[in-house]
């Protein structure tokens, strides 16, 4: 795997993990579930935007 794809991949996997933990917190009615869900989703969004930028930069 190219090294330029590692950062978005790790960021996306971290965001997925945080989102899953946030969903567990939400189901169990534990505090701070909304914060975890928001942070996880934003982390995934940043990873996708970074990956799109890398792909578009490569195609030029």
PDB file of N, CA and C in Angstrom:
ATOM      1  N   UNK A   1       0.843  -1.182   0.000  1.00  0.00           N
ATOM      2  CA  UNK A   1       0.000   0.000   0.000  1.00  0.00           C
ATOM      3  C   UNK A   1       0.885   1.240   0.000  1.00  0.00           C
ATOM      4  N   UNK A   2       0.472   2.211  -0.773  1.00  0.00           N
ATOM      5  CA  UNK A   2       1.237   3.455  -0.844  1.00  0.00           C
ATOM      6  C   UNK A   2       1.152   4.195   0.487  1.00  0.00           C
ATOM      7  N   UNK A   3       2.238   4.831   0.840  1.00  0.00           N
ATOM      8  CA  UNK A   3       2.278   5.520   2.131  1.00  0.00           C
ATOM      9  C   UNK A   3       1.337   6.716   2.178  1.00  0.00           C
ATOM     10  N   UNK A   4       0.995   7.264   1.011  1.00  0.00           N
ATOM     11  CA  UNK A   4       0.112   8.433   1.018  1.00  0.00           C
ATOM     12  C   UNK A   4      -1.336   8.077   1.369  1.00  0.00           C
ATOM     13  N   UNK A   5      -1.694   6.800   1.294  1.00  0.00           N
ATOM     14  CA  UNK A   5      -3.049   6.378   1.650  1.00  0.00           C
ATOM     15  C   UNK A   5      -3.159   5.927   3.104  1.00  0.00           C
ATOM     16  N   UNK A   6      -2.051   5.846   3.817  1.00  0.00           N
ATOM     17  CA  UNK A   6      -2.088   5.345   5.194  1.00  0.00           C
ATOM     18  C   UNK A   6      -2.771   6.314   6.147  1.00  0.00           C
ATOM     19  N   UNK A   7      -2.489   7.605   6.005  1.00  0.00           N
ATOM     20  CA  UNK A   7      -3.073   8.586   6.925  1.00  0.00           C
ATOM     21  C   UNK A   7      -4.593   8.632   6.799  1.00  0.00           C
ATOM     22  N   UNK A   8      -5.168   8.736   5.584  1.00  0.00           N
ATOM     23  CA  UNK A   8      -6.631   8.716   5.503  1.00  0.00           C
ATOM     24  C   UNK A   8      -7.233   7.401   5.999  1.00  0.00           C
ATOM     25  N   UNK A   9      -6.549   6.295   5.749  1.00  0.00           N
ATOM     26  CA  UNK A   9      -7.068   5.006   6.190  1.00  0.00           C
ATOM     27  C   UNK A   9      -7.093   4.913   7.707  1.00  0.00           C
ATOM     28  N   UNK A  10      -6.005   5.317   8.340  1.00  0.00           N
ATOM     29  CA  UNK A  10      -5.949   5.284   9.802  1.00  0.00           C
ATOM     30  C   UNK A  10      -6.970   6.247  10.394  1.00  0.00           C
ATOM     31  N   UNK A  11      -7.113   7.429   9.801  1.00  0.00           N
ATOM     32  CA  UNK A  11      -8.086   8.406  10.278  1.00  0.00           C
ATOM     33  C   UNK A  11      -9.503   7.869  10.147  1.00  0.00           C
ATOM     34  N   UNK A  12      -9.795   7.206   9.026  1.00  0.00           N
ATOM     35  CA  UNK A  12     -11.128   6.656   8.814  1.00  0.00           C
ATOM     36  C   UNK A  12     -11.422   5.530   9.803  1.00  0.00           C
ATOM     37  N   UNK A  13     -10.458   4.648  10.015  1.00  0.00           N
ATOM     38  CA  UNK A  13     -10.663   3.552  10.959  1.00  0.00           C
ATOM     39  C   UNK A  13     -10.830   4.068  12.387  1.00  0.00           C
ATOM     40  N   UNK A  14     -10.059   5.087  12.747  1.00  0.00           N
ATOM     41  CA  UNK A  14     -10.205   5.697  14.065  1.00  0.00           C
ATOM     42  C   UNK A  14     -11.587   6.336  14.217  1.00  0.00           C
ATOM     43  N   UNK A  15     -12.046   7.015  13.162  1.00  0.00           N
ATOM     44  CA  UNK A  15     -13.379   7.610  13.195  1.00  0.00           C
ATOM     45  C   UNK A  15     -14.472   6.559  13.320  1.00  0.00           C
ATOM     46  N   UNK A  16     -14.303   5.438  12.619  1.00  0.00           N
ATOM     47  CA  UNK A  16     -15.283   4.358  12.737  1.00  0.00           C
ATOM     48  C   UNK A  16     -15.314   3.800  14.153  1.00  0.00           C
ATOM     49  N   UNK A  17     -14.147   3.623  14.749  1.00  0.00           N
ATOM     50  CA  UNK A  17     -14.077   3.103  16.115  1.00  0.00           C
ATOM     51  C   UNK A  17     -14.761   4.049  17.096  1.00  0.00           C
ATOM     52  N   UNK A  18     -14.487   5.339  16.969  1.00  0.00           N
ATOM     53  CA  UNK A  18     -15.093   6.329  17.862  1.00  0.00           C
ATOM     54  C   UNK A  18     -16.607   6.365  17.655  1.00  0.00           C
ATOM     55  N   UNK A  19     -17.059   6.264  16.407  1.00  0.00           N
ATOM     56  CA  UNK A  19     -18.491   6.278  16.125  1.00  0.00           C
ATOM     57  C   UNK A  19     -19.181   5.046  16.712  1.00  0.00           C
ATOM     58  N   UNK A  20     -18.555   3.890  16.602  1.00  0.00           N
ATOM     59  CA  UNK A  20     -19.144   2.674  17.161  1.00  0.00           C
ATOM     60  C   UNK A  20     -19.223   2.761  18.681  1.00  0.00           C
ATOM     61  N   UNK A  21     -18.172   3.282  19.307  1.00  0.00           N
ATOM     62  CA  UNK A  21     -18.198   3.451  20.758  1.00  0.00           C
ATOM     63  C   UNK A  21     -19.268   4.469  21.153  1.00  0.00           C
ATOM     64  N   UNK A  22     -19.409   5.528  20.367  1.00  0.00           N
ATOM     65  CA  UNK A  22     -20.458   6.514  20.628  1.00  0.00           C
ATOM     66  C   UNK A  22     -21.846   5.923  20.497  1.00  0.00           C
ATOM     67  N   UNK A  23     -22.040   5.038  19.522  1.00  0.00           N
ATOM     68  CA  UNK A  23     -23.335   4.368  19.380  1.00  0.00           C
ATOM     69  C   UNK A  23     -23.608   3.457  20.574  1.00  0.00           C
ATOM     70  N   UNK A  24     -22.580   2.772  21.052  1.00  0.00           N
ATOM     71  CA  UNK A  24     -22.737   1.947  22.251  1.00  0.00           C
ATOM     72  C   UNK A  24     -23.120   2.806  23.450  1.00  0.00           C
ATOM     73  N   UNK A  25     -22.445   3.947  23.593  1.00  0.00           N
ATOM     74  CA  UNK A  25     -22.779   4.864  24.685  1.00  0.00           C
ATOM     75  C   UNK A  25     -24.232   5.324  24.555  1.00  0.00           C
ATOM     76  N   UNK A  26     -24.674   5.589  23.334  1.00  0.00           N
ATOM     77  CA  UNK A  26     -26.045   6.064  23.107  1.00  0.00           C
ATOM     78  C   UNK A  26     -27.055   4.980  23.481  1.00  0.00           C
ATOM     79  N   UNK A  27     -26.770   3.743  23.082  1.00  0.00           N
ATOM     80  CA  UNK A  27     -27.682   2.636  23.392  1.00  0.00           C
ATOM     81  C   UNK A  27     -27.765   2.410  24.897  1.00  0.00           C
ATOM     82  N   UNK A  28     -26.632   2.505  25.578  1.00  0.00           N
ATOM     83  CA  UNK A  28     -26.597   2.256  27.019  1.00  0.00           C
ATOM     84  C   UNK A  28     -26.991   3.491  27.843  1.00  0.00           C
ATOM     85  N   UNK A  29     -27.278   4.609  27.182  1.00  0.00           N
ATOM     86  CA  UNK A  29     -27.661   5.866  27.829  1.00  0.00           C
ATOM     87  C   UNK A  29     -26.569   6.377  28.766  1.00  0.00           C
ATOM     88  N   UNK A  30     -25.314   6.215  28.350  1.00  0.00           N
ATOM     89  CA  UNK A  30     -24.188   6.737  29.113  1.00  0.00           C
ATOM     90  C   UNK A  30     -23.910   8.166  28.663  1.00  0.00           C
ATOM     91  N   UNK A  31     -23.258   8.964  29.505  1.00  0.00           N
ATOM     92  CA  UNK A  31     -22.996  10.365  29.134  1.00  0.00           C
ATOM     93  C   UNK A  31     -21.954  10.491  28.025  1.00  0.00           C
ATOM     94  N   UNK A  32     -21.966  11.643  27.373  1.00  0.00           N
ATOM     95  CA  UNK A  32     -21.013  12.025  26.322  1.00  0.00           C
ATOM     96  C   UNK A  32     -21.154  11.227  25.038  1.00  0.00           C
ATOM     97  N   UNK A  33     -22.282  10.597  24.823  1.00  0.00           N
ATOM     98  CA  UNK A  33     -22.462   9.836  23.585  1.00  0.00           C
ATOM     99  C   UNK A  33     -22.531  10.765  22.376  1.00  0.00           C
ATOM    100  N   UNK A  34     -23.174  11.914  22.545  1.00  0.00           N
ATOM    101  CA  UNK A  34     -23.283  12.850  21.423  1.00  0.00           C
ATOM    102  C   UNK A  34     -21.913  13.374  20.997  1.00  0.00           C
ATOM    103  N   UNK A  35     -21.057  13.636  21.959  1.00  0.00           N
ATOM    104  CA  UNK A  35     -19.712  14.131  21.653  1.00  0.00           C
ATOM    105  C   UNK A  35     -18.935  13.073  20.868  1.00  0.00           C
ATOM    106  N   UNK A  36     -19.016  11.825  21.301  1.00  0.00           N
ATOM    107  CA  UNK A  36     -18.307  10.749  20.607  1.00  0.00           C
ATOM    108  C   UNK A  36     -18.827  10.575  19.181  1.00  0.00           C
ATOM    109  N   UNK A  37     -20.127  10.640  19.002  1.00  0.00           N
ATOM    110  CA  UNK A  37     -20.684  10.489  17.667  1.00  0.00           C
ATOM    111  C   UNK A  37     -20.262  11.628  16.749  1.00  0.00           C
ATOM    112  N   UNK A  38     -20.258  12.840  17.260  1.00  0.00           N
ATOM    113  CA  UNK A  38     -19.864  13.993  16.449  1.00  0.00           C
ATOM    114  C   UNK A  38     -18.381  13.921  16.093  1.00  0.00           C
ATOM    115  N   UNK A  39     -17.536  13.610  17.064  1.00  0.00           N
ATOM    116  CA  UNK A  39     -16.093  13.534  16.809  1.00  0.00           C
ATOM    117  C   UNK A  39     -15.789  12.409  15.826  1.00  0.00           C
ATOM    118  N   UNK A  40     -16.423  11.262  15.992  1.00  0.00           N
ATOM    119  CA  UNK A  40     -16.195  10.141  15.080  1.00  0.00           C
ATOM    120  C   UNK A  40     -16.618  10.453  13.660  1.00  0.00           C
ATOM    121  N   UNK A  41     -17.762  11.083  13.509  1.00  0.00           N
ATOM    122  CA  UNK A  41     -18.251  11.430  12.177  1.00  0.00           C
ATOM    123  C   UNK A  41     -17.360  12.494  11.521  1.00  0.00           C
ATOM    124  N   UNK A  42     -16.932  13.471  12.284  1.00  0.00           N
ATOM    125  CA  UNK A  42     -16.036  14.491  11.735  1.00  0.00           C
ATOM    126  C   UNK A  42     -14.692  13.890  11.338  1.00  0.00           C
ATOM    127  N   UNK A  43     -14.214  12.947  12.116  1.00  0.00           N
ATOM    128  CA  UNK A  43     -12.956  12.278  11.793  1.00  0.00           C
ATOM    129  C   UNK A  43     -13.086  11.502  10.475  1.00  0.00           C
ATOM    130  N   UNK A  44     -14.200  10.825  10.292  1.00  0.00           N
ATOM    131  CA  UNK A  44     -14.436  10.112   9.036  1.00  0.00           C
ATOM    132  C   UNK A  44     -14.542  11.083   7.869  1.00  0.00           C
ATOM    133  N   UNK A  45     -15.208  12.208   8.080  1.00  0.00           N
ATOM    134  CA  UNK A  45     -15.361  13.192   7.010  1.00  0.00           C
ATOM    135  C   UNK A  45     -14.007  13.778   6.600  1.00  0.00           C
ATOM    136  N   UNK A  46     -13.170  14.078   7.572  1.00  0.00           N
ATOM    137  CA  UNK A  46     -11.835  14.603   7.270  1.00  0.00           C
ATOM    138  C   UNK A  46     -11.020  13.566   6.507  1.00  0.00           C
ATOM    139  N   UNK A  47     -11.144  12.303   6.878  1.00  0.00           N
ATOM    140  CA  UNK A  47     -10.413  11.236   6.184  1.00  0.00           C
ATOM    141  C   UNK A  47     -10.868  11.121   4.732  1.00  0.00           C
ATOM    142  N   UNK A  48     -12.162  11.205   4.503  1.00  0.00           N
ATOM    143  CA  UNK A  48     -12.681  11.089   3.135  1.00  0.00           C
ATOM    144  C   UNK A  48     -12.252  12.291   2.297  1.00  0.00           C
ATOM    145  N   UNK A  49     -12.309  13.481   2.874  1.00  0.00           N
ATOM    146  CA  UNK A  49     -11.887  14.674   2.144  1.00  0.00           C
ATOM    147  C   UNK A  49     -10.399  14.601   1.820  1.00  0.00           C
ATOM    148  N   UNK A  50      -9.599  14.127   2.767  1.00  0.00           N
ATOM    149  CA  UNK A  50      -8.166  13.974   2.524  1.00  0.00           C
ATOM    150  C   UNK A  50      -7.908  12.968   1.411  1.00  0.00           C
ATOM    151  N   UNK A  51      -8.621  11.864   1.423  1.00  0.00           N
ATOM    152  CA  UNK A  51      -8.451  10.849   0.386  1.00  0.00           C
ATOM    153  C   UNK A  51      -8.855  11.386  -0.983  1.00  0.00           C
ATOM    154  N   UNK A  52      -9.933  12.142  -1.058  1.00  0.00           N
ATOM    155  CA  UNK A  52     -10.365  12.733  -2.324  1.00  0.00           C
ATOM    156  C   UNK A  52      -9.311  13.707  -2.843  1.00  0.00           C
ATOM    157  N   UNK A  53      -8.745  14.515  -1.942  1.00  0.00           N
ATOM    158  CA  UNK A  53      -7.693  15.443  -2.359  1.00  0.00           C
ATOM    159  C   UNK A  53      -6.474  14.711  -2.896  1.00  0.00           C
ATOM    160  N   UNK A  54      -6.097  13.606  -2.258  1.00  0.00           N
ATOM    161  CA  UNK A  54      -4.944  12.829  -2.721  1.00  0.00           C
ATOM    162  C   UNK A  54      -5.218  12.239  -4.094  1.00  0.00           C
ATOM    163  N   UNK A  55      -6.415  11.705  -4.287  1.00  0.00           N
ATOM    164  CA  UNK A  55      -6.761  11.087  -5.568  1.00  0.00           C
ATOM    165  C   UNK A  55      -6.812  12.140  -6.678  1.00  0.00           C
ATOM    166  N   UNK A  56      -7.404  13.291  -6.396  1.00  0.00           N
ATOM    167  CA  UNK A  56      -7.478  14.349  -7.408  1.00  0.00           C
ATOM    168  C   UNK A  56      -6.099  14.913  -7.730  1.00  0.00           C
ATOM    169  N   UNK A  57      -5.243  15.010  -6.735  1.00  0.00           N
ATOM    170  CA  UNK A  57      -3.890  15.509  -6.957  1.00  0.00           C
ATOM    171  C   UNK A  57      -3.103  14.523  -7.808  1.00  0.00           C
ATOM    172  N   UNK A  58      -3.367  13.226  -7.631  1.00  0.00           N
ATOM    173  CA  UNK A  58      -2.678  12.195  -8.388  1.00  0.00           C
ATOM    174  C   UNK A  58      -3.116  12.200  -9.843  1.00  0.00           C
ATOM    175  N   UNK A  59      -4.384  12.502 -10.112  1.00  0.00           N
ATOM    176  CA  UNK A  59      -4.898  12.433 -11.481  1.00  0.00           C
ATOM    177  C   UNK A  59      -4.422  13.614 -12.340  1.00  0.00           C
ATOM    178  N   UNK A  60      -3.945  14.688 -11.724  1.00  0.00           N
ATOM    179  CA  UNK A  60      -3.484  15.843 -12.498  1.00  0.00           C
ATOM    180  C   UNK A  60      -2.153  15.635 -13.119  1.00  0.00           C
TER     181      UNK A  60
END
